[in-house]
Amino acid sequence: MTGENDGPADPRDRAERWTRLSNRLLIIAAVWGVLMITLGVFLLRFAALRSIVSALFVIYLVYFAVTYWVYRRARKLKSRASRSVLPSS
């Protein structure tokens, strides 16, 4: 079932949207990673907080996997869009 809200017709627009999303997610992943390393080293000294830090690290790994999937999808869509557009002569 197709409707008008299926997304843009131009593959370049779709690739651009995925690229913007990927860039935002990668920035968040980088900041979160630095915080995890910085706070993790400090918080692991306290035995009561080790399970919380471990849980946050597992959540970070899942987030990073999803971010990497979005990044790969954006690259694939961008590649497809560039192949589908014929240069004008």
PDB file of N, CA and C in Angstrom:
ATOM      1  N   MET A   1       0.851  -1.162   0.000  1.00  0.00           N
ATOM      2  CA  MET A   1       0.000   0.000   0.000  1.00  0.00           C
ATOM      3  C   MET A   1       0.901   1.231   0.000  1.00  0.00           C
ATOM      4  N   THR A   2       0.785   2.036  -1.030  1.00  0.00           N
ATOM      5  CA  THR A   2       1.616   3.234  -1.124  1.00  0.00           C
ATOM      6  C   THR A   2       0.762   4.463  -0.905  1.00  0.00           C
ATOM      7  N   GLY A   3       1.338   5.417  -0.269  1.00  0.00           N
ATOM      8  CA  GLY A   3       0.638   6.672  -0.005  1.00  0.00           C
ATOM      9  C   GLY A   3       1.558   7.835  -0.290  1.00  0.00           C
ATOM     10  N   GLU A   4       1.077   9.009  -0.019  1.00  0.00           N
ATOM     11  CA  GLU A   4       1.878  10.196  -0.285  1.00  0.00           C
ATOM     12  C   GLU A   4       2.978  10.395   0.750  1.00  0.00           C
ATOM     13  N   ASN A   5       2.877   9.769   1.896  1.00  0.00           N
ATOM     14  CA  ASN A   5       3.847   9.961   2.962  1.00  0.00           C
ATOM     15  C   ASN A   5       4.928   8.897   2.976  1.00  0.00           C
ATOM     16  N   ASP A   6       5.167   8.253   1.862  1.00  0.00           N
ATOM     17  CA  ASP A   6       6.186   7.212   1.803  1.00  0.00           C
ATOM     18  C   ASP A   6       7.599   7.778   1.754  1.00  0.00           C
ATOM     19  N   GLY A   7       7.733   9.060   1.605  1.00  0.00           N
ATOM     20  CA  GLY A   7       9.045   9.677   1.559  1.00  0.00           C
ATOM     21  C   GLY A   7       9.241  10.414   0.256  1.00  0.00           C
ATOM     22  N   PRO A   8      10.374  11.074   0.140  1.00  0.00           N
ATOM     23  CA  PRO A   8      10.626  11.838  -1.073  1.00  0.00           C
ATOM     24  C   PRO A   8      10.863  10.926  -2.266  1.00  0.00           C
ATOM     25  N   ALA A   9      10.479  11.409  -3.429  1.00  0.00           N
ATOM     26  CA  ALA A   9      10.649  10.619  -4.640  1.00  0.00           C
ATOM     27  C   ALA A   9      12.106  10.613  -5.086  1.00  0.00           C
ATOM     28  N   ASP A  10      12.834  11.670  -4.787  1.00  0.00           N
ATOM     29  CA  ASP A  10      14.222  11.779  -5.215  1.00  0.00           C
ATOM     30  C   ASP A  10      15.123  10.973  -4.279  1.00  0.00           C
ATOM     31  N   PRO A  11      15.884  10.013  -4.809  1.00  0.00           N
ATOM     32  CA  PRO A  11      16.773   9.220  -3.948  1.00  0.00           C
ATOM     33  C   PRO A  11      17.847  10.064  -3.269  1.00  0.00           C
ATOM     34  N   ARG A  12      18.217  11.186  -3.893  1.00  0.00           N
ATOM     35  CA  ARG A  12      19.225  12.047  -3.264  1.00  0.00           C
ATOM     36  C   ARG A  12      18.700  12.683  -1.987  1.00  0.00           C
ATOM     37  N   ASP A  13      17.406  13.053  -1.975  1.00  0.00           N
ATOM     38  CA  ASP A  13      16.809  13.624  -0.761  1.00  0.00           C
ATOM     39  C   ASP A  13      16.785  12.599   0.363  1.00  0.00           C
ATOM     40  N   ARG A  14      16.415  11.389   0.008  1.00  0.00           N
ATOM     41  CA  ARG A  14      16.367  10.319   1.011  1.00  0.00           C
ATOM     42  C   ARG A  14      17.764  10.038   1.563  1.00  0.00           C
ATOM     43  N   ALA A  15      18.751   9.975   0.687  1.00  0.00           N
ATOM     44  CA  ALA A  15      20.127   9.744   1.126  1.00  0.00           C
ATOM     45  C   ALA A  15      20.608  10.888   2.009  1.00  0.00           C
ATOM     46  N   GLU A  16      20.233  12.107   1.660  1.00  0.00           N
ATOM     47  CA  GLU A  16      20.640  13.272   2.450  1.00  0.00           C
ATOM     48  C   GLU A  16      20.030  13.240   3.851  1.00  0.00           C
ATOM     49  N   ARG A  17      18.762  12.837   3.939  1.00  0.00           N
ATOM     50  CA  ARG A  17      18.117  12.728   5.260  1.00  0.00           C
ATOM     51  C   ARG A  17      18.819  11.693   6.124  1.00  0.00           C
ATOM     52  N   TRP A  18      19.138  10.533   5.550  1.00  0.00           N
ATOM     53  CA  TRP A  18      19.826   9.484   6.307  1.00  0.00           C
ATOM     54  C   TRP A  18      21.230   9.935   6.701  1.00  0.00           C
ATOM     55  N   THR A  19      21.890  10.699   5.832  1.00  0.00           N
ATOM     56  CA  THR A  19      23.228  11.193   6.151  1.00  0.00           C
ATOM     57  C   THR A  19      23.176  12.178   7.312  1.00  0.00           C
ATOM     58  N   ARG A  20      22.201  13.090   7.294  1.00  0.00           N
ATOM     59  CA  ARG A  20      22.062  14.039   8.412  1.00  0.00           C
ATOM     60  C   ARG A  20      21.792  13.304   9.723  1.00  0.00           C
ATOM     61  N   LEU A  21      20.906  12.316   9.683  1.00  0.00           N
ATOM     62  CA  LEU A  21      20.614  11.526  10.880  1.00  0.00           C
ATOM     63  C   LEU A  21      21.865  10.806  11.364  1.00  0.00           C
ATOM     64  N   SER A  22      22.593  10.214  10.438  1.00  0.00           N
ATOM     65  CA  SER A  22      23.816   9.499  10.784  1.00  0.00           C
ATOM     66  C   SER A  22      24.831  10.429  11.437  1.00  0.00           C
ATOM     67  N   ASN A  23      25.002  11.621  10.878  1.00  0.00           N
ATOM     68  CA  ASN A  23      25.961  12.575  11.449  1.00  0.00           C
ATOM     69  C   ASN A  23      25.585  12.963  12.870  1.00  0.00           C
ATOM     70  N   ARG A  24      24.309  13.207  13.101  1.00  0.00           N
ATOM     71  CA  ARG A  24      23.859  13.566  14.456  1.00  0.00           C
ATOM     72  C   ARG A  24      24.090  12.422  15.438  1.00  0.00           C
ATOM     73  N   LEU A  25      23.745  11.210  15.015  1.00  0.00           N
ATOM     74  CA  LEU A  25      23.919  10.058  15.897  1.00  0.00           C
ATOM     75  C   LEU A  25      25.391   9.805  16.199  1.00  0.00           C
ATOM     76  N   LEU A  26      26.265   9.997  15.211  1.00  0.00           N
ATOM     77  CA  LEU A  26      27.693   9.788  15.434  1.00  0.00           C
ATOM     78  C   LEU A  26      28.268  10.824  16.395  1.00  0.00           C
ATOM     79  N   ILE A  27      27.792  12.061  16.324  1.00  0.00           N
ATOM     80  CA  ILE A  27      28.255  13.088  17.264  1.00  0.00           C
ATOM     81  C   ILE A  27      27.833  12.723  18.683  1.00  0.00           C
ATOM     82  N   ILE A  28      26.581  12.296  18.834  1.00  0.00           N
ATOM     83  CA  ILE A  28      26.098  11.889  20.158  1.00  0.00           C
ATOM     84  C   ILE A  28      26.890  10.690  20.664  1.00  0.00           C
ATOM     85  N   ALA A  29      27.172   9.729  19.782  1.00  0.00           N
ATOM     86  CA  ALA A  29      27.940   8.544  20.181  1.00  0.00           C
ATOM     87  C   ALA A  29      29.342   8.934  20.641  1.00  0.00           C
ATOM     88  N   ALA A  30      29.955   9.888  19.963  1.00  0.00           N
ATOM     89  CA  ALA A  30      31.300  10.318  20.348  1.00  0.00           C
ATOM     90  C   ALA A  30      31.291  10.994  21.716  1.00  0.00           C
ATOM     91  N   VAL A  31      30.337  11.889  21.927  1.00  0.00           N
ATOM     92  CA  VAL A  31      30.253  12.579  23.222  1.00  0.00           C
ATOM     93  C   VAL A  31      29.962  11.580  24.336  1.00  0.00           C
ATOM     94  N   TRP A  32      29.001  10.670  24.077  1.00  0.00           N
ATOM     95  CA  TRP A  32      28.648   9.667  25.075  1.00  0.00           C
ATOM     96  C   TRP A  32      29.847   8.766  25.369  1.00  0.00           C
ATOM     97  N   GLY A  33      30.605   8.408  24.353  1.00  0.00           N
ATOM     98  CA  GLY A  33      31.784   7.565  24.548  1.00  0.00           C
ATOM     99  C   GLY A  33      32.826   8.231  25.426  1.00  0.00           C
ATOM    100  N   VAL A  34      33.078   9.511  25.186  1.00  0.00           N
ATOM    101  CA  VAL A  34      34.041  10.243  26.014  1.00  0.00           C
ATOM    102  C   VAL A  34      33.550  10.320  27.453  1.00  0.00           C
ATOM    103  N   LEU A  35      32.249  10.591  27.631  1.00  0.00           N
ATOM    104  CA  LEU A  35      31.699  10.634  28.992  1.00  0.00           C
ATOM    105  C   LEU A  35      31.785   9.276  29.675  1.00  0.00           C
ATOM    106  N   MET A  36      31.514   8.211  28.920  1.00  0.00           N
ATOM    107  CA  MET A  36      31.588   6.869  29.506  1.00  0.00           C
ATOM    108  C   MET A  36      33.010   6.560  29.973  1.00  0.00           C
ATOM    109  N   ILE A  37      33.985   6.934  29.180  1.00  0.00           N
ATOM    110  CA  ILE A  37      35.376   6.676  29.567  1.00  0.00           C
ATOM    111  C   ILE A  37      35.752   7.524  30.777  1.00  0.00           C
ATOM    112  N   THR A  38      35.431   8.810  30.718  1.00  0.00           N
ATOM    113  CA  THR A  38      35.809   9.719  31.800  1.00  0.00           C
ATOM    114  C   THR A  38      35.103   9.367  33.105  1.00  0.00           C
ATOM    115  N   LEU A  39      33.784   9.269  33.052  1.00  0.00           N
ATOM    116  CA  LEU A  39      33.038   8.958  34.269  1.00  0.00           C
ATOM    117  C   LEU A  39      33.223   7.507  34.691  1.00  0.00           C
ATOM    118  N   GLY A  40      33.362   6.622  33.720  1.00  0.00           N
ATOM    119  CA  GLY A  40      33.526   5.204  34.037  1.00  0.00           C
ATOM    120  C   GLY A  40      34.766   4.942  34.864  1.00  0.00           C
ATOM    121  N   VAL A  41      35.868   5.577  34.501  1.00  0.00           N
ATOM    122  CA  VAL A  41      37.109   5.398  35.256  1.00  0.00           C
ATOM    123  C   VAL A  41      36.923   5.883  36.692  1.00  0.00           C
ATOM    124  N   PHE A  42      36.215   6.993  36.850  1.00  0.00           N
ATOM    125  CA  PHE A  42      35.981   7.526  38.193  1.00  0.00           C
ATOM    126  C   PHE A  42      34.978   6.674  38.971  1.00  0.00           C
ATOM    127  N   LEU A  43      33.865   6.297  38.327  1.00  0.00           N
ATOM    128  CA  LEU A  43      32.795   5.606  39.039  1.00  0.00           C
ATOM    129  C   LEU A  43      33.099   4.142  39.330  1.00  0.00           C
ATOM    130  N   LEU A  44      34.001   3.526  38.572  1.00  0.00           N
ATOM    131  CA  LEU A  44      34.314   2.122  38.828  1.00  0.00           C
ATOM    132  C   LEU A  44      35.051   1.919  40.150  1.00  0.00           C
ATOM    133  N   ARG A  45      35.488   2.992  40.757  1.00  0.00           N
ATOM    134  CA  ARG A  45      36.130   2.883  42.072  1.00  0.00           C
ATOM    135  C   ARG A  45      35.121   2.516  43.159  1.00  0.00           C
ATOM    136  N   PHE A  46      33.860   2.822  42.901  1.00  0.00           N
ATOM    137  CA  PHE A  46      32.818   2.547  43.885  1.00  0.00           C
ATOM    138  C   PHE A  46      32.103   1.258  43.496  1.00  0.00           C
ATOM    139  N   ALA A  47      32.172   0.276  44.347  1.00  0.00           N
ATOM    140  CA  ALA A  47      31.615  -1.043  44.035  1.00  0.00           C
ATOM    141  C   ALA A  47      30.111  -0.993  43.797  1.00  0.00           C
ATOM    142  N   ALA A  48      29.407  -0.105  44.492  1.00  0.00           N
ATOM    143  CA  ALA A  48      27.948  -0.039  44.358  1.00  0.00           C
ATOM    144  C   ALA A  48      27.523   0.461  42.979  1.00  0.00           C
ATOM    145  N   LEU A  49      28.372   1.206  42.307  1.00  0.00           N
ATOM    146  CA  LEU A  49      28.013   1.793  41.019  1.00  0.00           C
ATOM    147  C   LEU A  49      28.478   0.966  39.825  1.00  0.00           C
ATOM    148  N   ARG A  50      29.184  -0.122  40.072  1.00  0.00           N
ATOM    149  CA  ARG A  50      29.718  -0.910  38.958  1.00  0.00           C
ATOM    150  C   ARG A  50      28.631  -1.480  38.070  1.00  0.00           C
ATOM    151  N   SER A  51      27.536  -1.936  38.658  1.00  0.00           N
ATOM    152  CA  SER A  51      26.462  -2.500  37.836  1.00  0.00           C
ATOM    153  C   SER A  51      25.800  -1.420  36.982  1.00  0.00           C
ATOM    154  N   ILE A  52      25.685  -0.209  37.521  1.00  0.00           N
ATOM    155  CA  ILE A  52      25.091   0.892  36.753  1.00  0.00           C
ATOM    156  C   ILE A  52      25.996   1.265  35.584  1.00  0.00           C
ATOM    157  N   VAL A  53      27.291   1.364  35.846  1.00  0.00           N
ATOM    158  CA  VAL A  53      28.240   1.698  34.781  1.00  0.00           C
ATOM    159  C   VAL A  53      28.252   0.602  33.724  1.00  0.00           C
ATOM    160  N   SER A  54      28.186  -0.638  34.156  1.00  0.00           N
ATOM    161  CA  SER A  54      28.158  -1.752  33.204  1.00  0.00           C
ATOM    162  C   SER A  54      26.897  -1.709  32.347  1.00  0.00           C
ATOM    163  N   ALA A  55      25.761  -1.414  32.961  1.00  0.00           N
ATOM    164  CA  ALA A  55      24.506  -1.325  32.205  1.00  0.00           C
ATOM    165  C   ALA A  55      24.557  -0.175  31.204  1.00  0.00           C
ATOM    166  N   LEU A  56      25.092   0.962  31.618  1.00  0.00           N
ATOM    167  CA  LEU A  56      25.229   2.094  30.693  1.00  0.00           C
ATOM    168  C   LEU A  56      26.150   1.747  29.526  1.00  0.00           C
ATOM    169  N   PHE A  57      27.188   0.976  29.805  1.00  0.00           N
ATOM    170  CA  PHE A  57      28.102   0.581  28.739  1.00  0.00           C
ATOM    171  C   PHE A  57      27.421  -0.353  27.745  1.00  0.00           C
ATOM    172  N   VAL A  58      26.607  -1.277  28.236  1.00  0.00           N
ATOM    173  CA  VAL A  58      25.867  -2.177  27.343  1.00  0.00           C
ATOM    174  C   VAL A  58      24.881  -1.377  26.492  1.00  0.00           C
ATOM    175  N   ILE A  59      24.187  -0.426  27.111  1.00  0.00           N
ATOM    176  CA  ILE A  59      23.265   0.430  26.351  1.00  0.00           C
ATOM    177  C   ILE A  59      24.037   1.219  25.296  1.00  0.00           C
ATOM    178  N   TYR A  60      25.226   1.702  25.659  1.00  0.00           N
ATOM    179  CA  TYR A  60      26.058   2.427  24.698  1.00  0.00           C
ATOM    180  C   TYR A  60      26.447   1.537  23.522  1.00  0.00           C
ATOM    181  N   LEU A  61      26.797   0.292  23.792  1.00  0.00           N
ATOM    182  CA  LEU A  61      27.163  -0.622  22.706  1.00  0.00           C
ATOM    183  C   LEU A  61      25.997  -0.848  21.752  1.00  0.00           C
ATOM    184  N   VAL A  62      24.799  -1.004  22.300  1.00  0.00           N
ATOM    185  CA  VAL A  62      23.610  -1.172  21.451  1.00  0.00           C
ATOM    186  C   VAL A  62      23.372   0.104  20.643  1.00  0.00           C
ATOM    187  N   TYR A  63      23.463   1.252  21.294  1.00  0.00           N
ATOM    188  CA  TYR A  63      23.290   2.535  20.599  1.00  0.00           C
ATOM    189  C   TYR A  63      24.320   2.690  19.483  1.00  0.00           C
ATOM    190  N   PHE A  64      25.560   2.330  19.775  1.00  0.00           N
ATOM    191  CA  PHE A  64      26.607   2.456  18.765  1.00  0.00           C
ATOM    192  C   PHE A  64      26.353   1.519  17.592  1.00  0.00           C
ATOM    193  N   ALA A  65      25.853   0.318  17.852  1.00  0.00           N
ATOM    194  CA  ALA A  65      25.528  -0.619  16.771  1.00  0.00           C
ATOM    195  C   ALA A  65      24.429  -0.052  15.875  1.00  0.00           C
ATOM    196  N   VAL A  66      23.401   0.525  16.480  1.00  0.00           N
ATOM    197  CA  VAL A  66      22.318   1.139  15.696  1.00  0.00           C
ATOM    198  C   VAL A  66      22.858   2.332  14.906  1.00  0.00           C
ATOM    199  N   THR A  67      23.706   3.132  15.534  1.00  0.00           N
ATOM    200  CA  THR A  67      24.300   4.279  14.851  1.00  0.00           C
ATOM    201  C   THR A  67      25.129   3.826  13.655  1.00  0.00           C
ATOM    202  N   TYR A  68      25.890   2.760  13.831  1.00  0.00           N
ATOM    203  CA  TYR A  68      26.706   2.244  12.733  1.00  0.00           C
ATOM    204  C   TYR A  68      25.821   1.724  11.604  1.00  0.00           C
ATOM    205  N   TRP A  69      24.700   1.085  11.950  1.00  0.00           N
ATOM    206  CA  TRP A  69      23.763   0.609  10.925  1.00  0.00           C
ATOM    207  C   TRP A  69      23.200   1.794  10.134  1.00  0.00           C
ATOM    208  N   VAL A  70      22.830   2.872  10.826  1.00  0.00           N
ATOM    209  CA  VAL A  70      22.304   4.064  10.150  1.00  0.00           C
ATOM    210  C   VAL A  70      23.380   4.656   9.238  1.00  0.00           C
ATOM    211  N   TYR A  71      24.614   4.687   9.713  1.00  0.00           N
ATOM    212  CA  TYR A  71      25.722   5.203   8.906  1.00  0.00           C
ATOM    213  C   TYR A  71      25.906   4.380   7.634  1.00  0.00           C
ATOM    214  N   ARG A  72      25.888   3.053   7.763  1.00  0.00           N
ATOM    215  CA  ARG A  72      26.041   2.184   6.588  1.00  0.00           C
ATOM    216  C   ARG A  72      24.885   2.364   5.621  1.00  0.00           C
ATOM    217  N   ARG A  73      23.668   2.489   6.143  1.00  0.00           N
ATOM    218  CA  ARG A  73      22.495   2.686   5.282  1.00  0.00           C
ATOM    219  C   ARG A  73      22.591   4.012   4.534  1.00  0.00           C
ATOM    220  N   ALA A  74      23.036   5.057   5.222  1.00  0.00           N
ATOM    221  CA  ALA A  74      23.193   6.358   4.571  1.00  0.00           C
ATOM    222  C   ALA A  74      24.216   6.280   3.447  1.00  0.00           C
ATOM    223  N   ARG A  75      25.320   5.587   3.689  1.00  0.00           N
ATOM    224  CA  ARG A  75      26.337   5.453   2.638  1.00  0.00           C
ATOM    225  C   ARG A  75      25.814   4.662   1.457  1.00  0.00           C
ATOM    226  N   LYS A  76      25.049   3.602   1.743  1.00  0.00           N
ATOM    227  CA  LYS A  76      24.492   2.786   0.666  1.00  0.00           C
ATOM    228  C   LYS A  76      23.497   3.594  -0.159  1.00  0.00           C
ATOM    229  N   LEU A  77      22.622   4.341   0.510  1.00  0.00           N
ATOM    230  CA  LEU A  77      21.647   5.158  -0.210  1.00  0.00           C
ATOM    231  C   LEU A  77      22.328   6.261  -1.019  1.00  0.00           C
ATOM    232  N   LYS A  78      23.373   6.847  -0.451  1.00  0.00           N
ATOM    233  CA  LYS A  78      24.095   7.891  -1.175  1.00  0.00           C
ATOM    234  C   LYS A  78      24.775   7.308  -2.413  1.00  0.00           C
ATOM    235  N   SER A  79      25.318   6.110  -2.280  1.00  0.00           N
ATOM    236  CA  SER A  79      25.954   5.453  -3.417  1.00  0.00           C
ATOM    237  C   SER A  79      24.934   5.141  -4.503  1.00  0.00           C
ATOM    238  N   ARG A  80      23.786   4.612  -4.094  1.00  0.00           N
ATOM    239  CA  ARG A  80      22.725   4.317  -5.064  1.00  0.00           C
ATOM    240  C   ARG A  80      22.243   5.582  -5.758  1.00  0.00           C
ATOM    241  N   ALA A  81      22.082   6.652  -4.986  1.00  0.00           N
ATOM    242  CA  ALA A  81      21.596   7.907  -5.562  1.00  0.00           C
ATOM    243  C   ALA A  81      22.596   8.465  -6.570  1.00  0.00           C
ATOM    244  N   SER A  82      23.875   8.341  -6.267  1.00  0.00           N
ATOM    245  CA  SER A  82      24.869   8.880  -7.200  1.00  0.00           C
ATOM    246  C   SER A  82      24.943   8.044  -8.473  1.00  0.00           C
ATOM    247  N   ARG A  83      24.668   6.743  -8.370  1.00  0.00           N
ATOM    248  CA  ARG A  83      24.671   5.897  -9.567  1.00  0.00           C
ATOM    249  C   ARG A  83      23.422   6.100 -10.406  1.00  0.00           C
ATOM    250  N   SER A  84      22.309   6.457  -9.763  1.00  0.00           N
ATOM    251  CA  SER A  84      21.054   6.582 -10.503  1.00  0.00           C
ATOM    252  C   SER A  84      20.930   7.918 -11.231  1.00  0.00           C
ATOM    253  N   VAL A  85      21.736   8.887 -10.846  1.00  0.00           N
ATOM    254  CA  VAL A  85      21.674  10.203 -11.484  1.00  0.00           C
ATOM    255  C   VAL A  85      22.663  10.227 -12.637  1.00  0.00           C
ATOM    256  N   LEU A  86      22.158  10.443 -13.820  1.00  0.00           N
ATOM    257  CA  LEU A  86      23.015  10.509 -14.997  1.00  0.00           C
ATOM    258  C   LEU A  86      23.516  11.934 -15.178  1.00  0.00           C
ATOM    259  N   PRO A  87      24.792  12.086 -15.499  1.00  0.00           N
ATOM    260  CA  PRO A  87      25.303  13.446 -15.704  1.00  0.00           C
ATOM    261  C   PRO A  87      24.694  14.063 -16.959  1.00  0.00           C
ATOM    262  N   SER A  88      24.379  15.335 -16.857  1.00  0.00           N
ATOM    263  CA  SER A  88      23.795  16.017 -18.018  1.00  0.00           C
ATOM    264  C   SER A  88      24.911  16.465 -18.951  1.00  0.00           C
ATOM    265  N   SER A  89      24.647  16.362 -20.256  1.00  0.00           N
ATOM    266  CA  SER A  89      25.697  16.722 -21.208  1.00  0.00           C
ATOM    267  C   SER A  89      25.416  18.031 -21.898  1.00  0.00           C
TER     268      SER A  89
END
